[in-house]
N, C-alpha and C. Protein backbone atom coordinates (compact mmCIF):
# COMPACT_ATOMS: atom_id res chain seq x y z
N MET A 1 0.80 -1.19 0.00
CA MET A 1 0.00 0.00 0.00
C MET A 1 0.85 1.27 0.00
N ILE A 2 2.13 1.12 -0.25
CA ILE A 2 2.98 2.30 -0.39
C ILE A 2 3.13 2.60 -1.88
N GLU A 3 2.79 3.83 -2.24
CA GLU A 3 2.92 4.27 -3.63
C GLU A 3 4.25 5.00 -3.76
N ILE A 4 5.02 4.60 -4.78
CA ILE A 4 6.29 5.26 -5.08
C ILE A 4 6.15 5.83 -6.49
N GLU A 5 6.25 7.15 -6.61
CA GLU A 5 6.10 7.75 -7.94
C GLU A 5 6.97 8.98 -8.07
N ARG A 6 7.30 9.28 -9.32
CA ARG A 6 8.02 10.51 -9.66
C ARG A 6 7.13 11.29 -10.61
N LYS A 7 7.24 12.61 -10.54
CA LYS A 7 6.36 13.49 -11.29
C LYS A 7 7.19 14.50 -12.08
N PHE A 8 6.75 14.75 -13.32
CA PHE A 8 7.48 15.64 -14.24
C PHE A 8 6.51 16.54 -14.97
N LEU A 9 6.98 17.73 -15.33
CA LEU A 9 6.23 18.56 -16.26
C LEU A 9 6.44 18.00 -17.66
N VAL A 10 5.54 18.34 -18.56
CA VAL A 10 5.59 17.84 -19.93
C VAL A 10 5.77 19.04 -20.86
N LYS A 11 6.73 18.93 -21.80
CA LYS A 11 7.07 20.09 -22.64
C LYS A 11 6.49 20.06 -24.04
N SER A 12 5.87 18.97 -24.45
CA SER A 12 5.22 18.92 -25.76
C SER A 12 4.08 17.91 -25.70
N ASP A 13 3.25 17.90 -26.73
CA ASP A 13 2.14 16.93 -26.75
C ASP A 13 2.48 15.68 -27.57
N ASP A 14 3.76 15.42 -27.76
CA ASP A 14 4.19 14.22 -28.49
C ASP A 14 3.72 12.92 -27.82
N TYR A 15 3.47 12.97 -26.51
CA TYR A 15 3.01 11.79 -25.79
C TYR A 15 1.67 11.28 -26.34
N LYS A 16 0.86 12.17 -26.90
CA LYS A 16 -0.48 11.77 -27.36
C LYS A 16 -0.42 10.69 -28.43
N SER A 17 0.55 10.78 -29.33
CA SER A 17 0.65 9.78 -30.40
C SER A 17 1.18 8.44 -29.89
N GLU A 18 1.77 8.43 -28.69
CA GLU A 18 2.30 7.20 -28.09
C GLU A 18 1.32 6.55 -27.11
N ALA A 19 0.23 7.23 -26.80
CA ALA A 19 -0.69 6.76 -25.76
C ALA A 19 -1.48 5.53 -26.19
N SER A 20 -1.62 4.60 -25.25
CA SER A 20 -2.44 3.41 -25.50
C SER A 20 -3.86 3.62 -25.01
N THR A 21 -4.05 4.50 -24.03
CA THR A 21 -5.40 4.83 -23.55
C THR A 21 -5.51 6.32 -23.29
N LYS A 22 -6.76 6.78 -23.34
CA LYS A 22 -7.09 8.18 -23.08
C LYS A 22 -8.40 8.16 -22.31
N THR A 23 -8.40 8.69 -21.08
CA THR A 23 -9.57 8.59 -20.21
C THR A 23 -9.85 9.94 -19.56
N ARG A 24 -11.11 10.33 -19.54
CA ARG A 24 -11.50 11.57 -18.87
C ARG A 24 -11.66 11.29 -17.38
N ILE A 25 -11.18 12.22 -16.55
CA ILE A 25 -11.25 12.08 -15.10
C ILE A 25 -11.82 13.35 -14.49
N VAL A 26 -12.77 13.16 -13.58
CA VAL A 26 -13.28 14.24 -12.74
C VAL A 26 -13.02 13.79 -11.31
N GLN A 27 -12.45 14.70 -10.51
CA GLN A 27 -12.18 14.30 -9.13
C GLN A 27 -12.31 15.48 -8.19
N GLY A 28 -12.66 15.15 -6.96
CA GLY A 28 -12.76 16.12 -5.89
C GLY A 28 -12.18 15.54 -4.63
N PHE A 29 -12.08 16.37 -3.61
CA PHE A 29 -11.45 15.95 -2.36
C PHE A 29 -12.39 16.17 -1.19
N LEU A 30 -12.63 15.09 -0.44
CA LEU A 30 -13.39 15.18 0.79
C LEU A 30 -12.53 15.78 1.89
N ASN A 31 -11.21 15.62 1.76
CA ASN A 31 -10.27 16.13 2.76
C ASN A 31 -8.93 16.38 2.07
N THR A 32 -8.37 17.57 2.24
CA THR A 32 -7.08 17.89 1.63
C THR A 32 -5.99 18.10 2.67
N ASP A 33 -6.20 17.62 3.89
CA ASP A 33 -5.15 17.67 4.91
C ASP A 33 -3.98 16.83 4.41
N PRO A 34 -2.74 17.39 4.38
CA PRO A 34 -1.60 16.64 3.83
C PRO A 34 -1.30 15.32 4.55
N ASN A 35 -1.79 15.17 5.78
CA ASN A 35 -1.56 13.92 6.52
C ASN A 35 -2.50 12.81 6.10
N ARG A 36 -3.64 13.17 5.49
CA ARG A 36 -4.62 12.18 5.07
C ARG A 36 -5.59 12.78 4.07
N THR A 37 -5.21 12.73 2.83
CA THR A 37 -6.03 13.23 1.74
C THR A 37 -7.04 12.16 1.34
N VAL A 38 -8.31 12.56 1.15
CA VAL A 38 -9.35 11.63 0.72
C VAL A 38 -9.92 12.16 -0.60
N ARG A 39 -9.74 11.37 -1.65
CA ARG A 39 -10.12 11.76 -3.00
C ARG A 39 -11.27 10.89 -3.50
N VAL A 40 -12.17 11.52 -4.26
CA VAL A 40 -13.25 10.82 -4.96
C VAL A 40 -13.02 11.08 -6.44
N ARG A 41 -13.10 10.02 -7.23
CA ARG A 41 -12.78 10.16 -8.66
C ARG A 41 -13.74 9.35 -9.51
N ILE A 42 -14.11 9.95 -10.65
CA ILE A 42 -14.78 9.21 -11.72
C ILE A 42 -13.79 9.18 -12.87
N LYS A 43 -13.37 7.98 -13.22
CA LYS A 43 -12.39 7.77 -14.28
C LYS A 43 -13.07 6.94 -15.36
N GLY A 44 -13.46 7.62 -16.43
CA GLY A 44 -14.21 6.93 -17.47
C GLY A 44 -15.55 6.50 -16.91
N ASP A 45 -15.81 5.19 -16.90
CA ASP A 45 -17.07 4.70 -16.37
C ASP A 45 -16.90 3.96 -15.04
N LEU A 46 -15.84 4.33 -14.31
CA LEU A 46 -15.57 3.73 -13.00
C LEU A 46 -15.47 4.81 -11.93
N GLY A 47 -15.86 4.46 -10.71
CA GLY A 47 -15.73 5.36 -9.57
C GLY A 47 -14.71 4.81 -8.60
N PHE A 48 -14.04 5.73 -7.87
CA PHE A 48 -13.02 5.32 -6.90
C PHE A 48 -13.04 6.27 -5.70
N ILE A 49 -12.68 5.74 -4.55
CA ILE A 49 -12.37 6.55 -3.38
C ILE A 49 -10.96 6.17 -2.96
N THR A 50 -10.15 7.17 -2.67
CA THR A 50 -8.74 6.95 -2.38
C THR A 50 -8.33 7.74 -1.16
N VAL A 51 -7.56 7.09 -0.29
CA VAL A 51 -6.97 7.75 0.87
C VAL A 51 -5.47 7.73 0.69
N LYS A 52 -4.85 8.91 0.82
CA LYS A 52 -3.40 9.01 0.72
C LYS A 52 -2.85 9.60 2.00
N GLY A 53 -1.71 9.07 2.43
CA GLY A 53 -1.04 9.58 3.62
C GLY A 53 -0.04 10.67 3.26
N LYS A 54 0.67 11.11 4.25
CA LYS A 54 1.68 12.15 4.07
C LYS A 54 2.87 11.59 3.30
N SER A 55 3.42 12.39 2.40
CA SER A 55 4.59 11.98 1.63
C SER A 55 5.83 11.94 2.50
N ASN A 56 6.80 11.12 2.08
CA ASN A 56 8.09 11.12 2.77
C ASN A 56 8.85 12.40 2.42
N VAL A 57 10.05 12.56 2.94
CA VAL A 57 10.82 13.79 2.79
C VAL A 57 11.06 14.14 1.31
N THR A 58 11.33 13.15 0.47
CA THR A 58 11.61 13.41 -0.94
C THR A 58 10.35 13.58 -1.78
N GLY A 59 9.20 13.22 -1.22
CA GLY A 59 7.95 13.32 -1.96
C GLY A 59 7.69 12.17 -2.90
N THR A 60 8.53 11.13 -2.85
CA THR A 60 8.37 10.01 -3.78
C THR A 60 7.46 8.90 -3.26
N SER A 61 7.33 8.77 -1.95
CA SER A 61 6.59 7.64 -1.38
C SER A 61 5.55 8.12 -0.37
N ARG A 62 4.40 7.43 -0.40
CA ARG A 62 3.38 7.66 0.61
C ARG A 62 2.36 6.53 0.59
N PHE A 63 1.67 6.39 1.70
CA PHE A 63 0.61 5.41 1.83
C PHE A 63 -0.50 5.76 0.85
N GLU A 64 -1.05 4.72 0.19
CA GLU A 64 -2.21 4.93 -0.67
C GLU A 64 -3.12 3.71 -0.57
N TRP A 65 -4.39 3.97 -0.34
CA TRP A 65 -5.42 2.94 -0.34
C TRP A 65 -6.52 3.40 -1.27
N GLU A 66 -6.94 2.50 -2.18
CA GLU A 66 -7.97 2.86 -3.16
C GLU A 66 -8.98 1.74 -3.28
N LYS A 67 -10.24 2.13 -3.42
CA LYS A 67 -11.31 1.14 -3.57
C LYS A 67 -12.23 1.60 -4.69
N GLU A 68 -12.58 0.66 -5.58
CA GLU A 68 -13.54 0.97 -6.62
C GLU A 68 -14.93 1.05 -6.02
N ILE A 69 -15.68 2.08 -6.41
CA ILE A 69 -17.06 2.25 -6.00
C ILE A 69 -17.88 2.50 -7.26
N SER A 70 -19.18 2.48 -7.14
CA SER A 70 -20.01 2.72 -8.33
C SER A 70 -19.92 4.20 -8.73
N VAL A 71 -20.17 4.46 -9.99
CA VAL A 71 -20.19 5.85 -10.47
C VAL A 71 -21.26 6.64 -9.71
N GLU A 72 -22.39 6.02 -9.42
CA GLU A 72 -23.46 6.69 -8.68
C GLU A 72 -22.98 7.09 -7.29
N GLU A 73 -22.25 6.20 -6.62
CA GLU A 73 -21.70 6.54 -5.30
C GLU A 73 -20.68 7.67 -5.42
N ALA A 74 -19.83 7.60 -6.43
CA ALA A 74 -18.82 8.65 -6.64
C ALA A 74 -19.50 9.99 -6.92
N GLU A 75 -20.53 9.99 -7.76
CA GLU A 75 -21.26 11.24 -8.04
C GLU A 75 -21.86 11.83 -6.78
N SER A 76 -22.42 10.98 -5.92
CA SER A 76 -22.99 11.46 -4.66
C SER A 76 -21.91 12.05 -3.76
N LEU A 77 -20.77 11.36 -3.66
CA LEU A 77 -19.68 11.85 -2.82
C LEU A 77 -19.07 13.14 -3.37
N LEU A 78 -19.03 13.29 -4.69
CA LEU A 78 -18.48 14.52 -5.27
C LEU A 78 -19.27 15.75 -4.83
N THR A 79 -20.56 15.58 -4.54
CA THR A 79 -21.36 16.73 -4.08
C THR A 79 -20.95 17.18 -2.69
N LEU A 80 -20.24 16.33 -1.94
CA LEU A 80 -19.79 16.67 -0.58
C LEU A 80 -18.36 17.20 -0.55
N CYS A 81 -17.69 17.20 -1.69
CA CYS A 81 -16.27 17.55 -1.74
C CYS A 81 -16.03 19.04 -1.49
N GLU A 82 -14.80 19.31 -1.06
CA GLU A 82 -14.35 20.68 -0.90
C GLU A 82 -14.40 21.40 -2.25
N LYS A 83 -14.39 22.70 -2.22
CA LYS A 83 -14.40 23.51 -3.44
C LYS A 83 -13.16 23.19 -4.27
N GLY A 84 -13.32 23.18 -5.60
CA GLY A 84 -12.18 23.00 -6.48
C GLY A 84 -12.10 21.64 -7.13
N MET A 85 -13.09 21.32 -7.93
CA MET A 85 -13.11 20.04 -8.66
C MET A 85 -12.03 20.06 -9.75
N LEU A 86 -11.38 18.93 -9.98
CA LEU A 86 -10.38 18.82 -11.04
C LEU A 86 -10.99 18.07 -12.22
N ASN A 87 -10.62 18.52 -13.41
CA ASN A 87 -11.11 17.94 -14.64
C ASN A 87 -9.89 17.77 -15.55
N LYS A 88 -9.67 16.53 -16.01
CA LYS A 88 -8.46 16.28 -16.81
C LYS A 88 -8.67 15.07 -17.70
N THR A 89 -7.77 14.95 -18.67
CA THR A 89 -7.69 13.73 -19.48
C THR A 89 -6.38 13.06 -19.14
N ARG A 90 -6.45 11.76 -18.90
CA ARG A 90 -5.24 10.97 -18.60
C ARG A 90 -4.90 10.11 -19.80
N TYR A 91 -3.64 10.21 -20.20
CA TYR A 91 -3.09 9.38 -21.27
C TYR A 91 -2.12 8.40 -20.62
N GLU A 92 -2.17 7.14 -21.02
CA GLU A 92 -1.23 6.14 -20.52
C GLU A 92 -0.28 5.75 -21.64
N ILE A 93 1.02 5.82 -21.33
CA ILE A 93 2.05 5.57 -22.33
C ILE A 93 3.05 4.57 -21.76
N ALA A 94 3.17 3.41 -22.39
CA ALA A 94 4.15 2.40 -21.97
C ALA A 94 5.50 2.76 -22.57
N ILE A 95 6.50 2.84 -21.70
CA ILE A 95 7.87 3.11 -22.14
C ILE A 95 8.77 2.18 -21.34
N GLY A 96 9.45 1.29 -22.03
CA GLY A 96 10.27 0.30 -21.34
C GLY A 96 9.38 -0.58 -20.48
N ASN A 97 9.77 -0.77 -19.22
CA ASN A 97 9.01 -1.61 -18.29
C ASN A 97 8.00 -0.83 -17.46
N HIS A 98 7.76 0.43 -17.81
CA HIS A 98 6.90 1.29 -17.01
C HIS A 98 5.80 1.92 -17.85
N VAL A 99 4.82 2.46 -17.14
CA VAL A 99 3.74 3.20 -17.79
C VAL A 99 3.72 4.61 -17.22
N TYR A 100 3.80 5.59 -18.10
CA TYR A 100 3.63 6.98 -17.69
C TYR A 100 2.16 7.32 -17.77
N GLU A 101 1.67 8.02 -16.76
CA GLU A 101 0.32 8.58 -16.78
C GLU A 101 0.49 10.08 -16.97
N VAL A 102 0.00 10.59 -18.08
CA VAL A 102 0.12 12.01 -18.39
C VAL A 102 -1.25 12.65 -18.25
N ASP A 103 -1.35 13.63 -17.35
CA ASP A 103 -2.60 14.32 -17.10
C ASP A 103 -2.59 15.71 -17.74
N GLU A 104 -3.54 15.92 -18.63
CA GLU A 104 -3.75 17.22 -19.27
C GLU A 104 -4.96 17.85 -18.58
N PHE A 105 -4.73 18.95 -17.89
CA PHE A 105 -5.77 19.57 -17.07
C PHE A 105 -6.60 20.58 -17.86
N TYR A 106 -7.84 20.78 -17.39
CA TYR A 106 -8.78 21.72 -17.98
C TYR A 106 -9.27 22.68 -16.90
N GLY A 107 -10.17 23.57 -17.28
CA GLY A 107 -10.76 24.50 -16.32
C GLY A 107 -9.72 25.43 -15.74
N GLU A 108 -9.71 25.56 -14.43
CA GLU A 108 -8.80 26.48 -13.76
C GLU A 108 -7.34 26.02 -13.80
N ASN A 109 -7.11 24.78 -14.21
CA ASN A 109 -5.75 24.27 -14.34
C ASN A 109 -5.33 24.09 -15.79
N GLU A 110 -6.10 24.69 -16.70
CA GLU A 110 -5.80 24.65 -18.14
C GLU A 110 -4.36 25.12 -18.37
N GLY A 111 -3.66 24.41 -19.24
CA GLY A 111 -2.28 24.77 -19.56
C GLY A 111 -1.25 23.96 -18.79
N LEU A 112 -1.69 23.22 -17.79
CA LEU A 112 -0.78 22.37 -17.01
C LEU A 112 -0.89 20.93 -17.49
N THR A 113 0.25 20.33 -17.79
CA THR A 113 0.32 18.91 -18.15
C THR A 113 1.44 18.28 -17.35
N VAL A 114 1.10 17.22 -16.63
CA VAL A 114 2.03 16.57 -15.70
C VAL A 114 2.08 15.07 -16.00
N ALA A 115 3.28 14.50 -15.95
CA ALA A 115 3.46 13.06 -16.15
C ALA A 115 3.92 12.43 -14.84
N GLU A 116 3.36 11.27 -14.53
CA GLU A 116 3.77 10.51 -13.34
C GLU A 116 4.18 9.11 -13.77
N ILE A 117 5.14 8.57 -13.05
CA ILE A 117 5.56 7.19 -13.28
C ILE A 117 5.63 6.51 -11.92
N GLU A 118 4.99 5.35 -11.80
CA GLU A 118 5.04 4.57 -10.56
C GLU A 118 6.21 3.61 -10.62
N LEU A 119 6.91 3.51 -9.51
CA LEU A 119 8.11 2.66 -9.42
C LEU A 119 7.95 1.63 -8.32
N ASN A 120 8.79 0.61 -8.36
CA ASN A 120 8.81 -0.40 -7.31
C ASN A 120 9.78 -0.05 -6.20
N ASP A 121 10.71 0.86 -6.50
CA ASP A 121 11.75 1.27 -5.55
C ASP A 121 12.11 2.72 -5.85
N GLU A 122 12.40 3.49 -4.83
CA GLU A 122 12.72 4.91 -5.03
C GLU A 122 13.93 5.12 -5.92
N ASN A 123 14.86 4.17 -5.93
CA ASN A 123 16.09 4.30 -6.71
C ASN A 123 16.06 3.56 -8.04
N GLU A 124 14.89 3.06 -8.41
CA GLU A 124 14.73 2.32 -9.66
C GLU A 124 15.03 3.22 -10.86
N THR A 125 15.73 2.67 -11.84
CA THR A 125 16.01 3.43 -13.06
C THR A 125 14.85 3.25 -14.04
N PHE A 126 14.65 4.24 -14.89
CA PHE A 126 13.57 4.20 -15.87
C PHE A 126 13.94 5.10 -17.04
N GLN A 127 13.32 4.81 -18.18
CA GLN A 127 13.56 5.60 -19.38
C GLN A 127 12.76 6.90 -19.32
N LYS A 128 13.40 7.98 -19.75
CA LYS A 128 12.73 9.28 -19.79
C LYS A 128 12.51 9.68 -21.24
N PRO A 129 11.25 9.77 -21.66
CA PRO A 129 10.97 10.17 -23.05
C PRO A 129 11.33 11.63 -23.29
N ALA A 130 11.51 11.99 -24.55
CA ALA A 130 11.93 13.34 -24.93
C ALA A 130 10.91 14.40 -24.54
N TRP A 131 9.64 14.04 -24.36
CA TRP A 131 8.61 15.03 -24.03
C TRP A 131 8.55 15.39 -22.55
N LEU A 132 9.38 14.71 -21.72
CA LEU A 132 9.44 15.08 -20.30
C LEU A 132 10.26 16.35 -20.14
N SER A 133 9.91 17.13 -19.13
CA SER A 133 10.65 18.35 -18.81
C SER A 133 11.12 18.26 -17.36
N THR A 134 10.99 19.31 -16.62
CA THR A 134 11.48 19.44 -15.25
C THR A 134 10.80 18.46 -14.30
N GLU A 135 11.59 17.84 -13.43
CA GLU A 135 11.01 16.99 -12.40
C GLU A 135 10.42 17.86 -11.29
N VAL A 136 9.21 17.53 -10.87
CA VAL A 136 8.53 18.28 -9.81
C VAL A 136 8.10 17.36 -8.66
N THR A 137 8.71 16.19 -8.57
CA THR A 137 8.42 15.26 -7.49
C THR A 137 8.61 15.97 -6.16
N GLY A 138 7.63 15.86 -5.28
CA GLY A 138 7.73 16.45 -3.95
C GLY A 138 7.37 17.92 -3.88
N GLU A 139 7.13 18.57 -5.02
CA GLU A 139 6.70 19.97 -5.00
C GLU A 139 5.19 20.00 -4.76
N VAL A 140 4.82 20.40 -3.56
CA VAL A 140 3.45 20.28 -3.08
C VAL A 140 2.45 20.98 -3.99
N LYS A 141 2.81 22.08 -4.62
CA LYS A 141 1.85 22.81 -5.44
C LYS A 141 1.35 21.98 -6.63
N TYR A 142 2.10 20.92 -7.00
CA TYR A 142 1.68 20.05 -8.11
C TYR A 142 0.82 18.87 -7.66
N TYR A 143 0.61 18.71 -6.35
CA TYR A 143 -0.28 17.65 -5.88
C TYR A 143 -1.70 18.00 -6.32
N ASN A 144 -2.46 17.03 -6.77
CA ASN A 144 -3.83 17.28 -7.19
C ASN A 144 -4.65 17.95 -6.09
N SER A 145 -4.43 17.54 -4.85
CA SER A 145 -5.18 18.14 -3.74
C SER A 145 -4.89 19.64 -3.63
N GLN A 146 -3.69 20.05 -3.97
CA GLN A 146 -3.34 21.47 -3.92
C GLN A 146 -3.82 22.20 -5.17
N LEU A 147 -3.80 21.53 -6.31
CA LEU A 147 -4.33 22.15 -7.54
C LEU A 147 -5.81 22.46 -7.40
N SER A 148 -6.51 21.70 -6.57
CA SER A 148 -7.94 21.97 -6.35
C SER A 148 -8.13 23.24 -5.53
N LYS A 149 -7.15 23.58 -4.69
CA LYS A 149 -7.27 24.77 -3.83
C LYS A 149 -6.57 25.99 -4.42
N ASN A 150 -5.46 25.78 -5.09
CA ASN A 150 -4.69 26.86 -5.70
C ASN A 150 -4.39 26.48 -7.14
N PRO A 151 -5.36 26.68 -8.04
CA PRO A 151 -5.20 26.22 -9.42
C PRO A 151 -4.09 26.94 -10.18
N PHE A 152 -3.62 26.28 -11.21
CA PHE A 152 -2.52 26.73 -12.06
C PHE A 152 -2.75 28.15 -12.59
N LYS A 153 -3.99 28.50 -12.91
CA LYS A 153 -4.27 29.83 -13.48
C LYS A 153 -3.93 30.95 -12.49
N ASN A 154 -3.86 30.65 -11.20
CA ASN A 154 -3.57 31.66 -10.18
C ASN A 154 -2.09 31.81 -9.87
N TRP A 155 -1.27 30.93 -10.42
CA TRP A 155 0.15 30.96 -10.11
C TRP A 155 0.81 32.18 -10.76
N VAL A 156 1.74 32.77 -10.04
CA VAL A 156 2.51 33.88 -10.57
C VAL A 156 3.97 33.43 -10.61
N ASP A 157 4.61 33.53 -11.78
CA ASP A 157 6.00 33.09 -11.89
C ASP A 157 6.95 34.12 -11.32
């Protein structure tokens, strides 16, 4: 139940031609406390509830528990979520022995595209495609729970 992942910004849309799947996701948060985030998600025609714990110092590992629920249950729970629903399309791209999940955000997070890769070990090596840019692993502002509260459109460089 420990999730190990690295997160990167994406510098081009070349990933789209490599994607094996493309799925629309709507998600909200029942709780955005960094010690225990509770997320509700509709991913395509499936519903999920997910609990995530606090990240380790590097931001690569944290507790994650997820359970599939009906779309009807997810829709009901989304009405109870904190302000700031996320809307995105997820592309899955197999590269080497791993799958990158690339999220293209809409609405208040329009213009932000982030890639994540799940690993079995924090020090595991993996191939980096040319469309990856800066690593943002552990940067809290890129957590979905934070994007719901402080969307990309509000960021000042």
